[in-house]
Amino acid sequence: DVIIVIAYGKILPKAVLDIPKYGCLNVHGSLLPKYRGAAPIQYALKDGEAESGVTIMLLDEGMDTGKMLKKAAIPLDAKETTGTLFDKLSILGAQTLLDVLTDLDGYESRAVAQDESQATYTAKITKEEARIDWSQDAAVLERLIRTLDPHPGAYTVCHDGKRLKIWAADVVEGTQAAPGTVLSVTKKQFTVQTGKGALRICEVQPESRKRMAAAQYLQSAALTAGELL
């Protein structure tokens, strides 16, 4: 009677779309028509959205272009990550899908076409995007760090040439130092200048080691103020 697709990543051919009586439904991880494509959860965080959600939609031959049956929204926490949001939307998506399936005739009769003028697309996040460009604003980089958690993880390169992943940071006031300059190092954290403002680094992962609080990392790391990342 119906085919359900969730995070499938491929466009179903018309021969498949025409099989079930009620068509093929998709549980999409955004409030369509915004954030169609491969990385809707990540881009809601990357762009600093106040909310995200799921859309139950009818599949057609386009990329997330079909009619919408039901939306459900949730607010985003200040420190939301892709991992935490994925978990929340997994639950919300299942609940919303079950609501639709209890009255599929009714929802499909009230299906709403997407406004193409409001549509945006998201490409798959690449490893190249994970390297931190310290010339960007602190607020942009803080969102990027949360966007890339748990995969692939935002990283910088230290003076010894080794990668240091950064998993959590807070936006703080900066100075006139060059972007990437370590402004200060305390027992608990260190602060790095960006293009606008600075980031106080709270959680990291040294190369070939596990995630840890910045305080644990600084117990053995030879990181000093003035170093350029």
Protein backbone atom coordinates (compact mmCIF):
# COMPACT_ATOMS: atom_id res chain seq x y z
CA ASP A 1 0.00 0.00 0.00
CA VAL A 2 2.81 2.43 0.79
CA ILE A 3 6.60 2.62 0.64
CA ILE A 4 8.50 4.54 3.33
CA VAL A 5 11.92 6.06 2.61
CA ILE A 6 14.16 7.58 5.31
CA ALA A 7 17.66 8.97 4.60
CA TYR A 8 17.94 6.79 1.50
CA GLY A 9 20.11 9.20 -0.49
CA LYS A 10 18.90 8.15 -3.94
CA ILE A 11 16.01 9.18 -6.17
CA LEU A 12 13.50 6.39 -6.71
CA PRO A 13 12.61 5.79 -10.38
CA LYS A 14 9.04 6.31 -11.57
CA ALA A 15 8.62 2.55 -11.96
CA VAL A 16 9.01 2.22 -8.18
CA LEU A 17 7.07 5.38 -7.29
CA ASP A 18 4.03 4.02 -9.16
CA ILE A 19 3.94 0.66 -7.35
CA PRO A 20 2.15 1.41 -4.04
CA LYS A 21 -1.48 2.52 -3.80
CA TYR A 22 -0.59 5.53 -1.63
CA GLY A 23 2.75 6.29 -3.26
CA CYS A 24 6.13 6.60 -1.58
CA LEU A 25 6.54 8.71 1.57
CA ASN A 26 9.77 10.30 2.76
CA VAL A 27 10.64 11.39 6.29
CA HIS A 28 12.88 14.39 5.58
CA GLY A 29 14.99 16.05 8.30
CA SER A 30 14.05 19.67 7.67
CA LEU A 31 11.09 22.00 7.36
CA LEU A 32 10.68 21.87 3.60
CA PRO A 33 11.10 23.49 1.16
CA LYS A 34 14.17 24.72 3.05
CA TYR A 35 17.19 22.40 3.17
CA ARG A 36 16.43 19.83 0.54
CA GLY A 37 19.22 17.40 -0.28
CA ALA A 38 21.83 15.38 1.57
CA ALA A 39 22.60 17.34 4.75
CA PRO A 40 19.49 19.13 6.04
CA ILE A 41 20.25 18.52 9.72
CA GLN A 42 23.79 19.85 9.46
CA TYR A 43 22.86 22.99 7.53
CA ALA A 44 20.16 24.05 9.97
CA LEU A 45 22.91 24.23 12.60
CA LYS A 46 25.55 25.69 10.28
CA ASP A 47 23.22 28.54 9.31
CA GLY A 48 22.19 29.31 12.89
CA GLU A 49 18.50 28.46 12.55
CA ALA A 50 16.32 28.85 15.62
CA GLU A 51 14.35 25.69 14.82
CA SER A 52 14.43 22.53 12.75
CA GLY A 53 12.04 19.66 12.26
CA VAL A 54 10.76 16.99 9.93
CA THR A 55 8.51 16.92 6.90
CA ILE A 56 6.49 13.90 5.77
CA MET A 57 6.26 14.25 2.02
CA LEU A 58 5.20 12.35 -1.09
CA LEU A 59 8.14 11.40 -3.28
CA ASP A 60 8.16 12.41 -6.92
CA GLU A 61 10.89 12.28 -9.54
CA GLY A 62 12.71 15.33 -8.13
CA MET A 63 15.09 15.81 -5.19
CA ASP A 64 12.79 16.35 -2.17
CA THR A 65 10.33 18.28 -4.34
CA GLY A 66 7.10 16.38 -3.66
CA LYS A 67 3.94 17.53 -1.90
CA MET A 68 4.01 17.85 1.89
CA LEU A 69 1.65 15.90 4.15
CA LYS A 70 2.74 17.08 7.60
CA LYS A 71 5.47 19.13 9.29
CA ALA A 72 6.65 19.06 12.89
CA ALA A 73 9.10 21.61 14.32
CA ILE A 74 11.33 21.73 17.41
CA PRO A 75 13.50 24.57 18.78
CA LEU A 76 17.26 24.18 18.63
CA ASP A 77 19.29 24.34 21.82
CA ALA A 78 22.14 26.87 22.02
CA LYS A 79 24.67 24.03 22.04
CA GLU A 80 22.82 21.66 19.68
CA THR A 81 25.05 19.35 17.65
CA THR A 82 24.31 17.29 14.57
CA GLY A 83 24.40 14.22 16.81
CA THR A 84 21.89 15.51 19.36
CA LEU A 85 19.60 16.93 16.67
CA PHE A 86 19.70 13.71 14.67
CA ASP A 87 18.52 11.79 17.73
CA LYS A 88 15.69 14.25 18.39
CA LEU A 89 14.53 14.23 14.76
CA SER A 90 14.68 10.42 14.64
CA ILE A 91 12.07 10.31 17.40
CA LEU A 92 10.04 13.20 16.02
CA GLY A 93 10.11 11.73 12.51
CA ALA A 94 8.83 8.35 13.69
CA GLN A 95 6.01 9.93 15.70
CA THR A 96 4.99 12.23 12.83
CA LEU A 97 5.07 9.40 10.30
CA LEU A 98 2.79 7.27 12.49
CA ASP A 99 0.34 10.18 12.76
CA VAL A 100 0.20 10.41 8.97
CA LEU A 101 -0.21 6.66 8.50
CA THR A 102 -3.28 6.60 10.78
CA ASP A 103 -5.12 8.81 8.26
CA LEU A 104 -3.24 8.49 5.00
CA ASP A 105 -6.29 9.22 2.84
CA GLY A 106 -6.96 12.43 4.74
CA TYR A 107 -3.37 13.69 4.73
CA GLU A 108 -2.89 12.95 1.04
CA SER A 109 -6.13 14.71 0.13
CA ARG A 110 -4.81 17.82 1.94
CA ALA A 111 -1.25 17.59 0.59
CA VAL A 112 0.41 20.97 -0.02
CA ALA A 113 2.79 21.75 -2.87
CA GLN A 114 6.16 23.23 -1.92
CA ASP A 115 6.92 26.86 -2.67
CA GLU A 116 9.81 26.58 -5.13
CA SER A 117 10.82 30.20 -4.52
CA GLN A 118 11.69 29.29 -0.91
CA ALA A 119 13.63 26.12 -1.72
CA THR A 120 17.27 25.68 -0.69
CA TYR A 121 19.58 22.73 -1.29
CA THR A 122 22.26 21.15 0.88
CA ALA A 123 25.26 19.22 -0.38
CA LYS A 124 26.99 16.47 1.56
CA ILE A 125 29.49 17.82 4.09
CA THR A 126 33.05 17.14 2.91
CA LYS A 127 36.22 16.51 4.91
CA GLU A 128 37.74 19.61 3.33
CA GLU A 129 35.16 21.77 5.10
CA ALA A 130 36.27 20.40 8.46
CA ARG A 131 39.52 22.38 8.63
CA ILE A 132 38.93 25.54 10.65
CA ASP A 133 39.58 28.82 8.83
CA TRP A 134 40.41 31.13 11.73
CA SER A 135 39.76 34.23 9.59
CA GLN A 136 36.02 33.56 9.85
CA ASP A 137 33.88 35.06 12.62
CA ALA A 138 33.90 33.28 15.98
CA ALA A 139 30.12 32.76 15.88
CA VAL A 140 30.38 31.08 12.44
CA LEU A 141 33.15 28.78 13.62
CA GLU A 142 31.34 27.86 16.83
CA ARG A 143 28.36 26.73 14.75
CA LEU A 144 30.66 24.82 12.38
CA ILE A 145 32.18 22.93 15.32
CA ARG A 146 28.71 21.82 16.45
CA THR A 147 27.70 21.03 12.86
CA LEU A 148 30.61 18.61 12.44
CA ASP A 149 29.95 16.79 15.73
CA PRO A 150 30.06 13.75 15.70
CA HIS A 151 31.43 13.47 12.14
CA PRO A 152 33.91 14.33 10.75
CA GLY A 153 34.91 16.81 13.49
CA ALA A 154 36.28 20.33 12.97
CA TYR A 155 40.05 20.51 13.28
CA THR A 156 43.05 22.79 13.27
CA VAL A 157 46.77 22.09 12.92
CA CYS A 158 49.25 22.81 15.71
CA HIS A 159 52.86 23.96 15.38
CA ASP A 160 54.05 20.33 15.43
CA GLY A 161 51.99 19.59 12.32
CA LYS A 162 49.50 17.38 14.14
CA ARG A 163 45.74 17.78 13.89
CA LEU A 164 43.72 18.88 16.87
CA LYS A 165 39.97 18.34 16.62
CA ILE A 166 37.83 20.87 18.44
CA TRP A 167 34.51 19.59 19.78
CA ALA A 168 33.23 22.44 21.93
CA ALA A 169 33.94 26.17 22.17
CA ASP A 170 32.40 29.39 23.44
CA VAL A 171 32.39 32.74 21.66
CA VAL A 172 34.26 35.41 23.65
CA GLU A 173 35.77 38.83 23.02
CA GLY A 174 38.94 38.93 20.96
CA THR A 175 41.83 41.29 20.36
CA GLN A 176 43.62 42.75 17.33
CA ALA A 177 45.87 39.69 17.04
CA ALA A 178 46.09 37.74 13.81
CA PRO A 179 43.40 35.07 13.31
CA GLY A 180 44.56 31.71 14.67
CA THR A 181 46.70 33.25 17.40
CA VAL A 182 46.45 31.57 20.80
CA LEU A 183 45.57 34.51 23.03
CA SER A 184 45.75 32.82 26.41
CA VAL A 185 46.26 29.44 28.04
CA THR A 186 44.92 28.54 31.50
CA LYS A 187 44.64 25.25 33.35
CA LYS A 188 41.08 24.75 32.08
CA GLN A 189 40.99 26.08 28.51
CA PHE A 190 42.71 28.15 25.85
CA THR A 191 41.46 31.01 23.69
CA VAL A 192 42.08 31.55 19.97
CA GLN A 193 41.59 34.75 17.97
CA THR A 194 39.31 34.60 14.92
CA GLY A 195 38.42 37.07 12.19
CA LYS A 196 35.89 38.64 14.55
CA GLY A 197 35.92 37.76 18.25
CA ALA A 198 37.61 34.72 19.72
CA LEU A 199 36.84 31.13 20.67
CA ARG A 200 37.44 29.72 24.14
CA ILE A 201 38.17 26.05 23.49
CA CYS A 202 36.52 23.68 25.97
CA GLU A 203 36.78 20.17 24.46
CA VAL A 204 39.34 18.73 22.03
CA GLN A 205 40.74 15.54 20.57
CA PRO A 206 44.47 15.30 19.90
CA GLU A 207 45.56 13.20 16.93
CA SER A 208 45.27 9.42 17.64
CA ARG A 209 43.67 10.05 21.05
CA LYS A 210 40.14 10.19 22.47
CA ARG A 211 37.94 13.23 23.05
CA MET A 212 38.78 15.08 26.24
CA ALA A 213 38.20 18.30 28.14
CA ALA A 214 40.63 21.06 27.23
CA ALA A 215 41.85 20.97 30.84
CA GLN A 216 43.01 17.37 30.41
CA TYR A 217 44.69 18.17 27.10
CA LEU A 218 46.56 21.14 28.58
CA GLN A 219 48.10 19.00 31.31
CA SER A 220 50.55 17.59 28.77
CA ALA A 221 50.26 19.85 25.69
CA ALA A 222 53.04 22.33 24.96
CA LEU A 223 50.62 25.07 23.95
CA THR A 224 51.59 28.67 24.68
CA ALA A 225 50.12 32.11 24.19
CA GLY A 226 51.26 33.62 20.91
CA GLU A 227 51.32 30.30 19.03
CA LEU A 228 49.64 30.39 15.63
CA LEU A 229 47.20 27.59 14.76
